[in-house]
């Protein structure tokens, strides 16, 4: 009986946490073909699977997903889901609760209560769980201004 219960529950999910303090930034590969750069005072949780799921807990993150990456990436922030495959983009969570996304290459889809929105290369938008606002064009240097030279 115990063996059957163990089999039915399956193995526990593999979740990795990345966090930086006020004086460090972190660059890491979170899956083959998917790199991330984490700003100071930032943290994310990465859940293994297909697609790879990331939850941004605080701060700023930049993703570089190569077009030949095996995994698709899903990023969760509150009730918002951002889906991506083969692009580069950044997400910023500000202390006041505002959220900002900017795309350097390709496009991402932002899934919120009011629908699905596409943000393309050299565009940025503010978003919350219900929708997006201030969708506009930007220069590449404004995509993740906290990063070292891109």
C-alpha atoms as a PDB file:
ATOM      1  CA  UNK A   1       0.000   0.000   0.000  1.00  0.00           C
ATOM      2  CA  UNK A   2       2.775   2.451   0.928  1.00  0.00           C
ATOM      3  CA  UNK A   3       4.556   1.668  -2.339  1.00  0.00           C
ATOM      4  CA  UNK A   4       1.444   2.461  -4.360  1.00  0.00           C
ATOM      5  CA  UNK A   5       0.954   5.746  -2.490  1.00  0.00           C
ATOM      6  CA  UNK A   6       4.559   6.746  -3.165  1.00  0.00           C
ATOM      7  CA  UNK A   7       4.170   5.919  -6.851  1.00  0.00           C
ATOM      8  CA  UNK A   8       0.907   7.891  -7.179  1.00  0.00           C
ATOM      9  CA  UNK A   9       2.369  11.047  -5.611  1.00  0.00           C
ATOM     10  CA  UNK A  10       5.353  10.983  -7.953  1.00  0.00           C
ATOM     11  CA  UNK A  11       8.613  12.729  -7.323  1.00  0.00           C
ATOM     12  CA  UNK A  12       8.663  16.210  -5.775  1.00  0.00           C
ATOM     13  CA  UNK A  13       9.111  19.185  -8.063  1.00  0.00           C
ATOM     14  CA  UNK A  14      12.628  20.530  -8.482  1.00  0.00           C
ATOM     15  CA  UNK A  15      12.692  24.244  -7.618  1.00  0.00           C
ATOM     16  CA  UNK A  16      15.860  26.350  -7.532  1.00  0.00           C
ATOM     17  CA  UNK A  17      16.086  29.817  -5.985  1.00  0.00           C
ATOM     18  CA  UNK A  18      18.405  32.624  -7.087  1.00  0.00           C
ATOM     19  CA  UNK A  19      18.829  35.766  -4.991  1.00  0.00           C
ATOM     20  CA  UNK A  20      21.183  38.739  -4.922  1.00  0.00           C
ATOM     21  CA  UNK A  21      22.001  41.200  -2.158  1.00  0.00           C
ATOM     22  CA  UNK A  22      22.416  44.968  -2.406  1.00  0.00           C
ATOM     23  CA  UNK A  23      25.966  44.750  -3.724  1.00  0.00           C
ATOM     24  CA  UNK A  24      25.888  41.954  -6.284  1.00  0.00           C
ATOM     25  CA  UNK A  25      24.399  40.976  -9.606  1.00  0.00           C
ATOM     26  CA  UNK A  26      24.200  37.393 -10.836  1.00  0.00           C
ATOM     27  CA  UNK A  27      24.407  35.854 -14.292  1.00  0.00           C
ATOM     28  CA  UNK A  28      23.545  32.168 -14.666  1.00  0.00           C
ATOM     29  CA  UNK A  29      22.335  29.568 -17.113  1.00  0.00           C
ATOM     30  CA  UNK A  30      18.998  28.254 -15.818  1.00  0.00           C
ATOM     31  CA  UNK A  31      18.538  25.688 -18.615  1.00  0.00           C
ATOM     32  CA  UNK A  32      20.332  24.785 -21.847  1.00  0.00           C
ATOM     33  CA  UNK A  33      19.981  27.824 -24.108  1.00  0.00           C
ATOM     34  CA  UNK A  34      18.377  30.004 -21.403  1.00  0.00           C
ATOM     35  CA  UNK A  35      20.517  32.522 -19.520  1.00  0.00           C
ATOM     36  CA  UNK A  36      19.409  35.107 -16.998  1.00  0.00           C
ATOM     37  CA  UNK A  37      20.967  38.154 -15.389  1.00  0.00           C
ATOM     38  CA  UNK A  38      19.620  39.106 -11.974  1.00  0.00           C
ATOM     39  CA  UNK A  39      19.974  42.683 -10.729  1.00  0.00           C
ATOM     40  CA  UNK A  40      20.899  43.656  -7.155  1.00  0.00           C
ATOM     41  CA  UNK A  41      18.294  42.903  -4.468  1.00  0.00           C
ATOM     42  CA  UNK A  42      16.390  40.542  -6.762  1.00  0.00           C
ATOM     43  CA  UNK A  43      15.126  36.986  -6.469  1.00  0.00           C
ATOM     44  CA  UNK A  44      13.509  34.330  -8.656  1.00  0.00           C
ATOM     45  CA  UNK A  45      12.340  30.750  -8.294  1.00  0.00           C
ATOM     46  CA  UNK A  46      12.936  28.354 -11.204  1.00  0.00           C
ATOM     47  CA  UNK A  47      10.757  25.244 -11.472  1.00  0.00           C
ATOM     48  CA  UNK A  48      12.058  22.501 -13.743  1.00  0.00           C
ATOM     49  CA  UNK A  49       9.676  21.168 -16.355  1.00  0.00           C
ATOM     50  CA  UNK A  50       8.414  21.675 -19.840  1.00  0.00           C
ATOM     51  CA  UNK A  51       7.959  24.600 -20.140  1.00  0.00           C
ATOM     52  CA  UNK A  52      10.519  25.949 -17.699  1.00  0.00           C
ATOM     53  CA  UNK A  53       8.631  28.063 -15.135  1.00  0.00           C
ATOM     54  CA  UNK A  54      10.134  31.070 -13.390  1.00  0.00           C
ATOM     55  CA  UNK A  55       8.522  33.237 -10.735  1.00  0.00           C
ATOM     56  CA  UNK A  56       9.992  36.701 -10.249  1.00  0.00           C
ATOM     57  CA  UNK A  57       9.697  37.396  -6.530  1.00  0.00           C
ATOM     58  CA  UNK A  58      11.367  40.828  -6.408  1.00  0.00           C
ATOM     59  CA  UNK A  59      13.718  43.082  -8.349  1.00  0.00           C
ATOM     60  CA  UNK A  60      14.845  42.975 -11.964  1.00  0.00           C
ATOM     61  CA  UNK A  61      15.741  40.132 -14.317  1.00  0.00           C
ATOM     62  CA  UNK A  62      16.948  39.894 -17.907  1.00  0.00           C
ATOM     63  CA  UNK A  63      16.460  36.707 -19.961  1.00  0.00           C
ATOM     64  CA  UNK A  64      18.408  35.637 -23.033  1.00  0.00           C
ATOM     65  CA  UNK A  65      16.726  32.644 -24.681  1.00  0.00           C
ATOM     66  CA  UNK A  66      18.496  31.343 -27.755  1.00  0.00           C
ATOM     67  CA  UNK A  67      16.316  30.432 -30.715  1.00  0.00           C
ATOM     68  CA  UNK A  68      17.536  26.806 -30.571  1.00  0.00           C
ATOM     69  CA  UNK A  69      16.730  26.428 -26.842  1.00  0.00           C
ATOM     70  CA  UNK A  70      14.952  23.169 -26.030  1.00  0.00           C
ATOM     71  CA  UNK A  71      12.734  24.695 -23.334  1.00  0.00           C
ATOM     72  CA  UNK A  72      10.074  27.339 -23.631  1.00  0.00           C
ATOM     73  CA  UNK A  73      10.032  29.844 -20.766  1.00  0.00           C
ATOM     74  CA  UNK A  74       7.040  30.966 -18.712  1.00  0.00           C
ATOM     75  CA  UNK A  75       7.470  33.761 -16.167  1.00  0.00           C
ATOM     76  CA  UNK A  76       4.851  34.278 -13.456  1.00  0.00           C
ATOM     77  CA  UNK A  77       4.394  37.553 -11.593  1.00  0.00           C
ATOM     78  CA  UNK A  78       1.279  37.582  -9.419  1.00  0.00           C
ATOM     79  CA  UNK A  79      -1.535  36.401 -11.712  1.00  0.00           C
ATOM     80  CA  UNK A  80       0.295  37.513 -14.864  1.00  0.00           C
ATOM     81  CA  UNK A  81       1.974  34.924 -17.113  1.00  0.00           C
ATOM     82  CA  UNK A  82       4.622  35.890 -19.672  1.00  0.00           C
ATOM     83  CA  UNK A  83       5.374  33.292 -22.353  1.00  0.00           C
ATOM     84  CA  UNK A  84       8.486  33.294 -24.472  1.00  0.00           C
ATOM     85  CA  UNK A  85      10.607  31.204 -26.801  1.00  0.00           C
ATOM     86  CA  UNK A  86      13.821  32.421 -28.427  1.00  0.00           C
ATOM     87  CA  UNK A  87      14.120  36.075 -27.435  1.00  0.00           C
ATOM     88  CA  UNK A  88      15.736  38.555 -25.033  1.00  0.00           C
ATOM     89  CA  UNK A  89      13.725  40.647 -22.579  1.00  0.00           C
ATOM     90  CA  UNK A  90      13.761  42.218 -19.120  1.00  0.00           C
ATOM     91  CA  UNK A  91      11.223  42.523 -16.330  1.00  0.00           C
ATOM     92  CA  UNK A  92      11.382  45.085 -13.534  1.00  0.00           C
ATOM     93  CA  UNK A  93       9.333  44.977 -10.333  1.00  0.00           C
ATOM     94  CA  UNK A  94       9.432  48.336  -8.604  1.00  0.00           C
ATOM     95  CA  UNK A  95       9.072  48.724  -4.828  1.00  0.00           C
ATOM     96  CA  UNK A  96       5.759  50.558  -5.199  1.00  0.00           C
ATOM     97  CA  UNK A  97       4.312  47.497  -6.931  1.00  0.00           C
ATOM     98  CA  UNK A  98       4.505  48.680 -10.540  1.00  0.00           C
ATOM     99  CA  UNK A  99       5.774  46.226 -13.162  1.00  0.00           C
ATOM    100  CA  UNK A 100       7.623  46.924 -16.383  1.00  0.00           C
ATOM    101  CA  UNK A 101       8.636  44.701 -19.308  1.00  0.00           C
ATOM    102  CA  UNK A 102      10.931  45.493 -22.260  1.00  0.00           C
ATOM    103  CA  UNK A 103      11.894  43.313 -25.243  1.00  0.00           C
ATOM    104  CA  UNK A 104      15.304  43.415 -26.965  1.00  0.00           C
ATOM    105  CA  UNK A 105      14.756  40.726 -29.614  1.00  0.00           C
ATOM    106  CA  UNK A 106      11.775  38.704 -30.854  1.00  0.00           C
ATOM    107  CA  UNK A 107       8.507  39.041 -28.949  1.00  0.00           C
ATOM    108  CA  UNK A 108       6.779  37.859 -25.792  1.00  0.00           C
ATOM    109  CA  UNK A 109       3.117  37.343 -24.918  1.00  0.00           C
ATOM    110  CA  UNK A 110       1.713  38.776 -21.692  1.00  0.00           C
ATOM    111  CA  UNK A 111      -1.340  36.880 -20.387  1.00  0.00           C
ATOM    112  CA  UNK A 112      -3.473  39.022 -18.040  1.00  0.00           C
ATOM    113  CA  UNK A 113      -7.153  39.092 -17.023  1.00  0.00           C
ATOM    114  CA  UNK A 114      -8.153  41.386 -19.927  1.00  0.00           C
ATOM    115  CA  UNK A 115      -6.477  39.222 -22.607  1.00  0.00           C
ATOM    116  CA  UNK A 116      -3.177  38.370 -24.258  1.00  0.00           C
ATOM    117  CA  UNK A 117      -0.861  41.161 -25.388  1.00  0.00           C
ATOM    118  CA  UNK A 118       2.187  40.885 -27.628  1.00  0.00           C
ATOM    119  CA  UNK A 119       5.252  43.021 -26.887  1.00  0.00           C
ATOM    120  CA  UNK A 120       7.813  42.996 -29.722  1.00  0.00           C
ATOM    121  CA  UNK A 121      11.471  43.951 -30.081  1.00  0.00           C
ATOM    122  CA  UNK A 122      12.298  47.517 -29.000  1.00  0.00           C
ATOM    123  CA  UNK A 123       8.950  47.885 -27.216  1.00  0.00           C
ATOM    124  CA  UNK A 124       8.124  48.185 -23.542  1.00  0.00           C
ATOM    125  CA  UNK A 125       4.978  48.267 -21.419  1.00  0.00           C
ATOM    126  CA  UNK A 126       3.828  48.575 -17.844  1.00  0.00           C
ATOM    127  CA  UNK A 127       1.519  45.801 -16.663  1.00  0.00           C
ATOM    128  CA  UNK A 128      -0.470  44.451 -13.746  1.00  0.00           C
ATOM    129  CA  UNK A 129      -2.735  41.418 -13.285  1.00  0.00           C
ATOM    130  CA  UNK A 130      -5.578  43.061 -15.231  1.00  0.00           C
ATOM    131  CA  UNK A 131      -3.852  44.592 -18.279  1.00  0.00           C
ATOM    132  CA  UNK A 132      -1.015  46.569 -19.843  1.00  0.00           C
ATOM    133  CA  UNK A 133      -0.448  50.312 -20.217  1.00  0.00           C
ATOM    134  CA  UNK A 134       2.116  52.689 -21.684  1.00  0.00           C
ATOM    135  CA  UNK A 135       2.960  50.307 -24.555  1.00  0.00           C
ATOM    136  CA  UNK A 136       5.610  52.199 -26.541  1.00  0.00           C
ATOM    137  CA  UNK A 137       8.818  52.031 -28.594  1.00  0.00           C
ATOM    138  CA  UNK A 138      12.221  52.308 -26.876  1.00  0.00           C
ATOM    139  CA  UNK A 139      15.960  52.245 -27.586  1.00  0.00           C
ATOM    140  CA  UNK A 140      17.938  49.070 -26.819  1.00  0.00           C
ATOM    141  CA  UNK A 141      19.892  50.804 -24.021  1.00  0.00           C
ATOM    142  CA  UNK A 142      16.582  51.260 -22.124  1.00  0.00           C
ATOM    143  CA  UNK A 143      15.704  47.540 -22.070  1.00  0.00           C
ATOM    144  CA  UNK A 144      17.679  46.653 -18.935  1.00  0.00           C
ATOM    145  CA  UNK A 145      19.525  49.849 -17.944  1.00  0.00           C
ATOM    146  CA  UNK A 146      20.862  48.228 -14.738  1.00  0.00           C
ATOM    147  CA  UNK A 147      22.877  45.656 -16.738  1.00  0.00           C
ATOM    148  CA  UNK A 148      26.487  46.116 -17.751  1.00  0.00           C
ATOM    149  CA  UNK A 149      27.007  46.924 -21.461  1.00  0.00           C
ATOM    150  CA  UNK A 150      24.907  44.671 -23.673  1.00  0.00           C
END
